[in-house]
Every structure is written in C-alpha cells, then in structure tokens.
Amino acid sequence: MLRIEETEEETGKMVLTISEDADCSGLPAIGETVCNYDEGFLAGLLTAYTGKPYDAVEVNCWAAGDRVCRFRAEVAEGR
C-alpha cells in the first residue's frame, strides 16, 4: 500500500510510505534496510511518470526495526 506523505511541487521531492511491502513486511529486525529493489522501482516509476530522472532512498524499513518502509525521492541532479 503506497502513500505519499509529503511532496514539494517546486522541487519534486517526495516522502513515500509503503505500509504493506511484500518484500519485507514482517521480517525480523536485523538493523538494516533491505528494500533495494523498491528504491529502484519507485525511482523508475517516478521517472516514467514525470519525465524527470529520480533517485529514491529508503530511510525507514521493517528490517531496521521500523513498522513501515519509507522512502525519500527527489529529482536526480546532473542527469
């Protein structure tokens, strides 16, 4: 379940939350983020939708002990 928490129209920055992530919801806390695929998927989705190159980085993760996967996304500079 994807939810947009914050968005800045001028810069394109976003904070996105995935609350039911099939990759890692329910994983034990191992102290690190594990959603590398989701980072690339979200970046690709935003790039295709906006026509601008995006990067996405996971900042909270089930496997890091959080109960949600949260990502920061922004337009990639210099591409």
PDB file of N, CA and C in Angstrom:
ATOM      1  N   MET A   1       0.840  -1.160   0.000  1.00  0.00           N
ATOM      2  CA  MET A   1       0.000   0.000   0.000  1.00  0.00           C
ATOM      3  C   MET A   1       0.892   1.232   0.000  1.00  0.00           C
ATOM      4  N   LEU A   2       0.885   1.956  -1.072  1.00  0.00           N
ATOM      5  CA  LEU A   2       1.735   3.132  -1.245  1.00  0.00           C
ATOM      6  C   LEU A   2       0.972   4.396  -0.853  1.00  0.00           C
ATOM      7  N   ARG A   3       1.648   5.251  -0.088  1.00  0.00           N
ATOM      8  CA  ARG A   3       1.044   6.520   0.319  1.00  0.00           C
ATOM      9  C   ARG A   3       2.086   7.620   0.175  1.00  0.00           C
ATOM     10  N   ILE A   4       1.663   8.748  -0.385  1.00  0.00           N
ATOM     11  CA  ILE A   4       2.538   9.915  -0.471  1.00  0.00           C
ATOM     12  C   ILE A   4       2.335  10.726   0.798  1.00  0.00           C
ATOM     13  N   GLU A   5       3.381  10.834   1.617  1.00  0.00           N
ATOM     14  CA  GLU A   5       3.306  11.581   2.875  1.00  0.00           C
ATOM     15  C   GLU A   5       3.536  13.065   2.664  1.00  0.00           C
ATOM     16  N   GLU A   6       4.532  13.391   1.857  1.00  0.00           N
ATOM     17  CA  GLU A   6       4.894  14.788   1.596  1.00  0.00           C
ATOM     18  C   GLU A   6       5.289  14.928   0.149  1.00  0.00           C
ATOM     19  N   THR A   7       5.045  16.109  -0.398  1.00  0.00           N
ATOM     20  CA  THR A   7       5.517  16.414  -1.739  1.00  0.00           C
ATOM     21  C   THR A   7       5.777  17.906  -1.860  1.00  0.00           C
ATOM     22  N   GLU A   8       6.832  18.255  -2.569  1.00  0.00           N
ATOM     23  CA  GLU A   8       7.166  19.645  -2.863  1.00  0.00           C
ATOM     24  C   GLU A   8       7.064  19.820  -4.370  1.00  0.00           C
ATOM     25  N   GLU A   9       6.031  20.496  -4.815  1.00  0.00           N
ATOM     26  CA  GLU A   9       5.813  20.644  -6.252  1.00  0.00           C
ATOM     27  C   GLU A   9       6.962  21.353  -6.954  1.00  0.00           C
ATOM     28  N   GLU A  10       7.559  22.358  -6.298  1.00  0.00           N
ATOM     29  CA  GLU A  10       8.621  23.141  -6.933  1.00  0.00           C
ATOM     30  C   GLU A  10       9.868  22.309  -7.207  1.00  0.00           C
ATOM     31  N   THR A  11      10.237  21.444  -6.251  1.00  0.00           N
ATOM     32  CA  THR A  11      11.486  20.691  -6.376  1.00  0.00           C
ATOM     33  C   THR A  11      11.277  19.240  -6.807  1.00  0.00           C
ATOM     34  N   GLY A  12      10.076  18.731  -6.632  1.00  0.00           N
ATOM     35  CA  GLY A  12       9.811  17.335  -6.951  1.00  0.00           C
ATOM     36  C   GLY A  12      10.161  16.367  -5.833  1.00  0.00           C
ATOM     37  N   LYS A  13      10.609  16.875  -4.685  1.00  0.00           N
ATOM     38  CA  LYS A  13      10.946  15.998  -3.559  1.00  0.00           C
ATOM     39  C   LYS A  13       9.684  15.375  -2.983  1.00  0.00           C
ATOM     40  N   MET A  14       9.790  14.107  -2.579  1.00  0.00           N
ATOM     41  CA  MET A  14       8.656  13.381  -2.014  1.00  0.00           C
ATOM     42  C   MET A  14       9.108  12.475  -0.881  1.00  0.00           C
ATOM     43  N   VAL A  15       8.179  12.200   0.020  1.00  0.00           N
ATOM     44  CA  VAL A  15       8.353  11.159   1.025  1.00  0.00           C
ATOM     45  C   VAL A  15       7.203  10.185   0.795  1.00  0.00           C
ATOM     46  N   LEU A  16       7.551   8.928   0.530  1.00  0.00           N
ATOM     47  CA  LEU A  16       6.575   7.892   0.215  1.00  0.00           C
ATOM     48  C   LEU A  16       6.658   6.782   1.248  1.00  0.00           C
ATOM     49  N   THR A  17       5.511   6.235   1.611  1.00  0.00           N
ATOM     50  CA  THR A  17       5.468   5.147   2.581  1.00  0.00           C
ATOM     51  C   THR A  17       4.807   3.933   1.956  1.00  0.00           C
ATOM     52  N   ILE A  18       5.414   2.774   2.172  1.00  0.00           N
ATOM     53  CA  ILE A  18       4.803   1.509   1.778  1.00  0.00           C
ATOM     54  C   ILE A  18       4.529   0.757   3.070  1.00  0.00           C
ATOM     55  N   SER A  19       3.242   0.612   3.395  1.00  0.00           N
ATOM     56  CA  SER A  19       2.898   0.022   4.688  1.00  0.00           C
ATOM     57  C   SER A  19       2.752  -1.496   4.627  1.00  0.00           C
ATOM     58  N   GLU A  20       2.434  -2.043   3.498  1.00  0.00           N
ATOM     59  CA  GLU A  20       2.334  -3.499   3.344  1.00  0.00           C
ATOM     60  C   GLU A  20       3.238  -3.912   2.193  1.00  0.00           C
ATOM     61  N   ASP A  21       4.505  -4.043   2.473  1.00  0.00           N
ATOM     62  CA  ASP A  21       5.506  -4.363   1.461  1.00  0.00           C
ATOM     63  C   ASP A  21       5.710  -5.875   1.418  1.00  0.00           C
ATOM     64  N   ALA A  22       5.410  -6.490   0.297  1.00  0.00           N
ATOM     65  CA  ALA A  22       5.520  -7.944   0.170  1.00  0.00           C
ATOM     66  C   ALA A  22       6.955  -8.427   0.362  1.00  0.00           C
ATOM     67  N   ASP A  23       7.934  -7.554   0.097  1.00  0.00           N
ATOM     68  CA  ASP A  23       9.339  -7.933   0.241  1.00  0.00           C
ATOM     69  C   ASP A  23       9.762  -8.092   1.696  1.00  0.00           C
ATOM     70  N   CYS A  24       9.283  -7.202   2.568  1.00  0.00           N
ATOM     71  CA  CYS A  24       9.864  -7.224   3.908  1.00  0.00           C
ATOM     72  C   CYS A  24       8.901  -7.046   5.073  1.00  0.00           C
ATOM     73  N   SER A  25       7.625  -6.782   4.849  1.00  0.00           N
ATOM     74  CA  SER A  25       6.693  -6.658   5.972  1.00  0.00           C
ATOM     75  C   SER A  25       6.726  -7.939   6.788  1.00  0.00           C
ATOM     76  N   GLY A  26       6.961  -7.801   8.070  1.00  0.00           N
ATOM     77  CA  GLY A  26       7.008  -8.953   8.951  1.00  0.00           C
ATOM     78  C   GLY A  26       8.377  -9.567   9.120  1.00  0.00           C
ATOM     79  N   LEU A  27       9.393  -9.064   8.423  1.00  0.00           N
ATOM     80  CA  LEU A  27      10.754  -9.587   8.613  1.00  0.00           C
ATOM     81  C   LEU A  27      11.244  -9.260  10.018  1.00  0.00           C
ATOM     82  N   PRO A  28      12.130 -10.065  10.545  1.00  0.00           N
ATOM     83  CA  PRO A  28      12.710  -9.731  11.853  1.00  0.00           C
ATOM     84  C   PRO A  28      13.614  -8.504  11.721  1.00  0.00           C
ATOM     85  N   ALA A  29      13.767  -7.779  12.799  1.00  0.00           N
ATOM     86  CA  ALA A  29      14.642  -6.602  12.806  1.00  0.00           C
ATOM     87  C   ALA A  29      16.099  -7.059  12.777  1.00  0.00           C
ATOM     88  N   ILE A  30      16.788  -6.733  11.690  1.00  0.00           N
ATOM     89  CA  ILE A  30      18.206  -7.086  11.559  1.00  0.00           C
ATOM     90  C   ILE A  30      19.093  -5.843  11.602  1.00  0.00           C
ATOM     91  N   GLY A  31      18.466  -4.677  11.758  1.00  0.00           N
ATOM     92  CA  GLY A  31      19.236  -3.449  11.920  1.00  0.00           C
ATOM     93  C   GLY A  31      19.680  -2.778  10.643  1.00  0.00           C
ATOM     94  N   GLU A  32      19.117  -3.158   9.506  1.00  0.00           N
ATOM     95  CA  GLU A  32      19.494  -2.503   8.254  1.00  0.00           C
ATOM     96  C   GLU A  32      18.328  -2.503   7.286  1.00  0.00           C
ATOM     97  N   THR A  33      18.400  -1.624   6.284  1.00  0.00           N
ATOM     98  CA  THR A  33      17.367  -1.562   5.265  1.00  0.00           C
ATOM     99  C   THR A  33      17.613  -2.652   4.222  1.00  0.00           C
ATOM    100  N   VAL A  34      16.540  -3.172   3.648  1.00  0.00           N
ATOM    101  CA  VAL A  34      16.682  -4.275   2.700  1.00  0.00           C
ATOM    102  C   VAL A  34      15.900  -4.060   1.399  1.00  0.00           C
ATOM    103  N   CYS A  35      15.275  -2.918   1.238  1.00  0.00           N
ATOM    104  CA  CYS A  35      14.372  -2.704   0.100  1.00  0.00           C
ATOM    105  C   CYS A  35      15.060  -2.046  -1.096  1.00  0.00           C
ATOM    106  N   ASN A  36      16.182  -2.581  -1.509  1.00  0.00           N
ATOM    107  CA  ASN A  36      16.910  -2.022  -2.651  1.00  0.00           C
ATOM    108  C   ASN A  36      16.085  -2.093  -3.935  1.00  0.00           C
ATOM    109  N   TYR A  37      15.372  -3.187  -4.131  1.00  0.00           N
ATOM    110  CA  TYR A  37      14.523  -3.319  -5.314  1.00  0.00           C
ATOM    111  C   TYR A  37      13.475  -2.211  -5.321  1.00  0.00           C
ATOM    112  N   ASP A  38      12.861  -1.957  -4.170  1.00  0.00           N
ATOM    113  CA  ASP A  38      11.810  -0.942  -4.082  1.00  0.00           C
ATOM    114  C   ASP A  38      12.352   0.449  -4.383  1.00  0.00           C
ATOM    115  N   GLU A  39      13.584   0.738  -3.966  1.00  0.00           N
ATOM    116  CA  GLU A  39      14.193   2.026  -4.295  1.00  0.00           C
ATOM    117  C   GLU A  39      14.243   2.218  -5.808  1.00  0.00           C
ATOM    118  N   GLY A  40      14.722   1.213  -6.508  1.00  0.00           N
ATOM    119  CA  GLY A  40      14.818   1.294  -7.966  1.00  0.00           C
ATOM    120  C   GLY A  40      13.460   1.339  -8.638  1.00  0.00           C
ATOM    121  N   PHE A  41      12.523   0.555  -8.114  1.00  0.00           N
ATOM    122  CA  PHE A  41      11.171   0.532  -8.673  1.00  0.00           C
ATOM    123  C   PHE A  41      10.506   1.906  -8.540  1.00  0.00           C
ATOM    124  N   LEU A  42      10.587   2.500  -7.352  1.00  0.00           N
ATOM    125  CA  LEU A  42       9.981   3.821  -7.143  1.00  0.00           C
ATOM    126  C   LEU A  42      10.662   4.886  -8.005  1.00  0.00           C
ATOM    127  N   ALA A  43      11.988   4.847  -8.083  1.00  0.00           N
ATOM    128  CA  ALA A  43      12.708   5.808  -8.926  1.00  0.00           C
ATOM    129  C   ALA A  43      12.280   5.665 -10.385  1.00  0.00           C
ATOM    130  N   GLY A  44      12.168   4.433 -10.866  1.00  0.00           N
ATOM    131  CA  GLY A  44      11.741   4.197 -12.238  1.00  0.00           C
ATOM    132  C   GLY A  44      10.310   4.641 -12.488  1.00  0.00           C
ATOM    133  N   LEU A  45       9.438   4.365 -11.549  1.00  0.00           N
ATOM    134  CA  LEU A  45       8.038   4.761 -11.660  1.00  0.00           C
ATOM    135  C   LEU A  45       7.907   6.284 -11.725  1.00  0.00           C
ATOM    136  N   LEU A  46       8.589   6.982 -10.830  1.00  0.00           N
ATOM    137  CA  LEU A  46       8.524   8.440 -10.819  1.00  0.00           C
ATOM    138  C   LEU A  46       9.168   9.043 -12.065  1.00  0.00           C
ATOM    139  N   THR A  47      10.265   8.456 -12.521  1.00  0.00           N
ATOM    140  CA  THR A  47      10.919   8.923 -13.739  1.00  0.00           C
ATOM    141  C   THR A  47       9.991   8.777 -14.943  1.00  0.00           C
ATOM    142  N   ALA A  48       9.342   7.625 -15.067  1.00  0.00           N
ATOM    143  CA  ALA A  48       8.428   7.389 -16.186  1.00  0.00           C
ATOM    144  C   ALA A  48       7.220   8.319 -16.122  1.00  0.00           C
ATOM    145  N   TYR A  49       6.703   8.556 -14.935  1.00  0.00           N
ATOM    146  CA  TYR A  49       5.506   9.376 -14.759  1.00  0.00           C
ATOM    147  C   TYR A  49       5.783  10.861 -14.996  1.00  0.00           C
ATOM    148  N   THR A  50       6.932  11.356 -14.500  1.00  0.00           N
ATOM    149  CA  THR A  50       7.218  12.789 -14.585  1.00  0.00           C
ATOM    150  C   THR A  50       8.087  13.177 -15.775  1.00  0.00           C
ATOM    151  N   GLY A  51       8.825  12.213 -16.328  1.00  0.00           N
ATOM    152  CA  GLY A  51       9.760  12.531 -17.400  1.00  0.00           C
ATOM    153  C   GLY A  51      11.071  13.116 -16.886  1.00  0.00           C
ATOM    154  N   LYS A  52      11.245  13.140 -15.555  1.00  0.00           N
ATOM    155  CA  LYS A  52      12.472  13.643 -14.940  1.00  0.00           C
ATOM    156  C   LYS A  52      13.179  12.491 -14.245  1.00  0.00           C
ATOM    157  N   PRO A  53      14.518  12.485 -14.246  1.00  0.00           N
ATOM    158  CA  PRO A  53      15.247  11.389 -13.590  1.00  0.00           C
ATOM    159  C   PRO A  53      15.148  11.485 -12.067  1.00  0.00           C
ATOM    160  N   TYR A  54      14.683  10.428 -11.434  1.00  0.00           N
ATOM    161  CA  TYR A  54      14.507  10.396  -9.986  1.00  0.00           C
ATOM    162  C   TYR A  54      15.455   9.412  -9.325  1.00  0.00           C
ATOM    163  N   ASP A  55      15.827   9.719  -8.093  1.00  0.00           N
ATOM    164  CA  ASP A  55      16.502   8.802  -7.188  1.00  0.00           C
ATOM    165  C   ASP A  55      15.577   8.588  -6.003  1.00  0.00           C
ATOM    166  N   ALA A  56      15.592   7.384  -5.435  1.00  0.00           N
ATOM    167  CA  ALA A  56      14.813   7.084  -4.231  1.00  0.00           C
ATOM    168  C   ALA A  56      15.705   6.339  -3.252  1.00  0.00           C
ATOM    169  N   VAL A  57      15.617   6.701  -1.977  1.00  0.00           N
ATOM    170  CA  VAL A  57      16.430   6.095  -0.935  1.00  0.00           C
ATOM    171  C   VAL A  57      15.516   5.709   0.225  1.00  0.00           C
ATOM    172  N   GLU A  58      15.674   4.488   0.709  1.00  0.00           N
ATOM    173  CA  GLU A  58      14.888   4.038   1.855  1.00  0.00           C
ATOM    174  C   GLU A  58      15.461   4.641   3.134  1.00  0.00           C
ATOM    175  N   VAL A  59      14.591   5.249   3.941  1.00  0.00           N
ATOM    176  CA  VAL A  59      15.041   5.868   5.190  1.00  0.00           C
ATOM    177  C   VAL A  59      14.490   5.150   6.422  1.00  0.00           C
ATOM    178  N   ASN A  60      13.424   4.378   6.261  1.00  0.00           N
ATOM    179  CA  ASN A  60      12.883   3.526   7.332  1.00  0.00           C
ATOM    180  C   ASN A  60      12.530   2.186   6.710  1.00  0.00           C
ATOM    181  N   CYS A  61      12.707   1.095   7.479  1.00  0.00           N
ATOM    182  CA  CYS A  61      12.466  -0.242   6.943  1.00  0.00           C
ATOM    183  C   CYS A  61      12.023  -1.195   8.046  1.00  0.00           C
ATOM    184  N   TRP A  62      11.138  -2.122   7.693  1.00  0.00           N
ATOM    185  CA  TRP A  62      10.731  -3.188   8.624  1.00  0.00           C
ATOM    186  C   TRP A  62      11.959  -3.876   9.203  1.00  0.00           C
ATOM    187  N   ALA A  63      12.914  -4.195   8.334  1.00  0.00           N
ATOM    188  CA  ALA A  63      14.081  -4.956   8.774  1.00  0.00           C
ATOM    189  C   ALA A  63      15.025  -4.145   9.651  1.00  0.00           C
ATOM    190  N   ALA A  64      14.848  -2.827   9.656  1.00  0.00           N
ATOM    191  CA  ALA A  64      15.655  -1.980  10.532  1.00  0.00           C
ATOM    192  C   ALA A  64      14.953  -1.743  11.866  1.00  0.00           C
ATOM    193  N   GLY A  65      13.777  -2.357  12.046  1.00  0.00           N
ATOM    194  CA  GLY A  65      13.043  -2.225  13.287  1.00  0.00           C
ATOM    195  C   GLY A  65      11.861  -1.275  13.210  1.00  0.00           C
ATOM    196  N   ASP A  66      11.658  -0.646  12.043  1.00  0.00           N
ATOM    197  CA  ASP A  66      10.516   0.234  11.851  1.00  0.00           C
ATOM    198  C   ASP A  66       9.309  -0.620  11.464  1.00  0.00           C
ATOM    199  N   ARG A  67       8.140  -0.084  11.535  1.00  0.00           N
ATOM    200  CA  ARG A  67       6.946  -0.844  11.155  1.00  0.00           C
ATOM    201  C   ARG A  67       6.327  -0.310   9.877  1.00  0.00           C
ATOM    202  N   VAL A  68       7.190   0.287   9.055  1.00  0.00           N
ATOM    203  CA  VAL A  68       6.785   0.814   7.758  1.00  0.00           C
ATOM    204  C   VAL A  68       8.057   0.980   6.928  1.00  0.00           C
ATOM    205  N   CYS A  69       7.924   0.908   5.632  1.00  0.00           N
ATOM    206  CA  CYS A  69       9.048   1.223   4.745  1.00  0.00           C
ATOM    207  C   CYS A  69       8.792   2.624   4.192  1.00  0.00           C
ATOM    208  N   ARG A  70       9.750   3.523   4.404  1.00  0.00           N
ATOM    209  CA  ARG A  70       9.590   4.925   3.997  1.00  0.00           C
ATOM    210  C   ARG A  70      10.766   5.306   3.096  1.00  0.00           C
ATOM    211  N   PHE A  71      10.455   6.051   2.055  1.00  0.00           N
ATOM    212  CA  PHE A  71      11.454   6.430   1.059  1.00  0.00           C
ATOM    213  C   PHE A  71      11.430   7.924   0.826  1.00  0.00           C
ATOM    214  N   ARG A  72      12.601   8.499   0.599  1.00  0.00           N
ATOM    215  CA  ARG A  72      12.716   9.879   0.130  1.00  0.00           C
ATOM    216  C   ARG A  72      13.066   9.798  -1.346  1.00  0.00           C
ATOM    217  N   ALA A  73      12.352  10.559  -2.139  1.00  0.00           N
ATOM    218  CA  ALA A  73      12.596  10.575  -3.584  1.00  0.00           C
ATOM    219  C   ALA A  73      12.808  12.015  -4.021  1.00  0.00           C
ATOM    220  N   GLU A  74      13.759  12.202  -4.932  1.00  0.00           N
ATOM    221  CA  GLU A  74      13.982  13.531  -5.475  1.00  0.00           C
ATOM    222  C   GLU A  74      14.565  13.440  -6.865  1.00  0.00           C
ATOM    223  N   VAL A  75      14.410  14.540  -7.597  1.00  0.00           N
ATOM    224  CA  VAL A  75      14.936  14.597  -8.950  1.00  0.00           C
ATOM    225  C   VAL A  75      16.455  14.532  -8.877  1.00  0.00           C
ATOM    226  N   ALA A  76      17.029  13.644  -9.688  1.00  0.00           N
ATOM    227  CA  ALA A  76      18.487  13.459  -9.707  1.00  0.00           C
ATOM    228  C   ALA A  76      19.138  14.626 -10.442  1.00  0.00           C
ATOM    229  N   GLU A  77      20.022  15.309  -9.763  1.00  0.00           N
ATOM    230  CA  GLU A  77      20.738  16.445 -10.373  1.00  0.00           C
ATOM    231  C   GLU A  77      21.802  15.950 -11.340  1.00  0.00           C
ATOM    232  N   GLY A  78      21.956  16.649 -12.434  1.00  0.00           N
ATOM    233  CA  GLY A  78      23.045  16.355 -13.357  1.00  0.00           C
ATOM    234  C   GLY A  78      22.785  15.189 -14.309  1.00  0.00           C
ATOM    235  N   ARG A  79      21.579  14.696 -14.362  1.00  0.00           N
ATOM    236  CA  ARG A  79      21.290  13.614 -15.336  1.00  0.00           C
ATOM    237  C   ARG A  79      20.356  14.100 -16.387  1.00  0.00           C
TER     238      ARG A  79
END
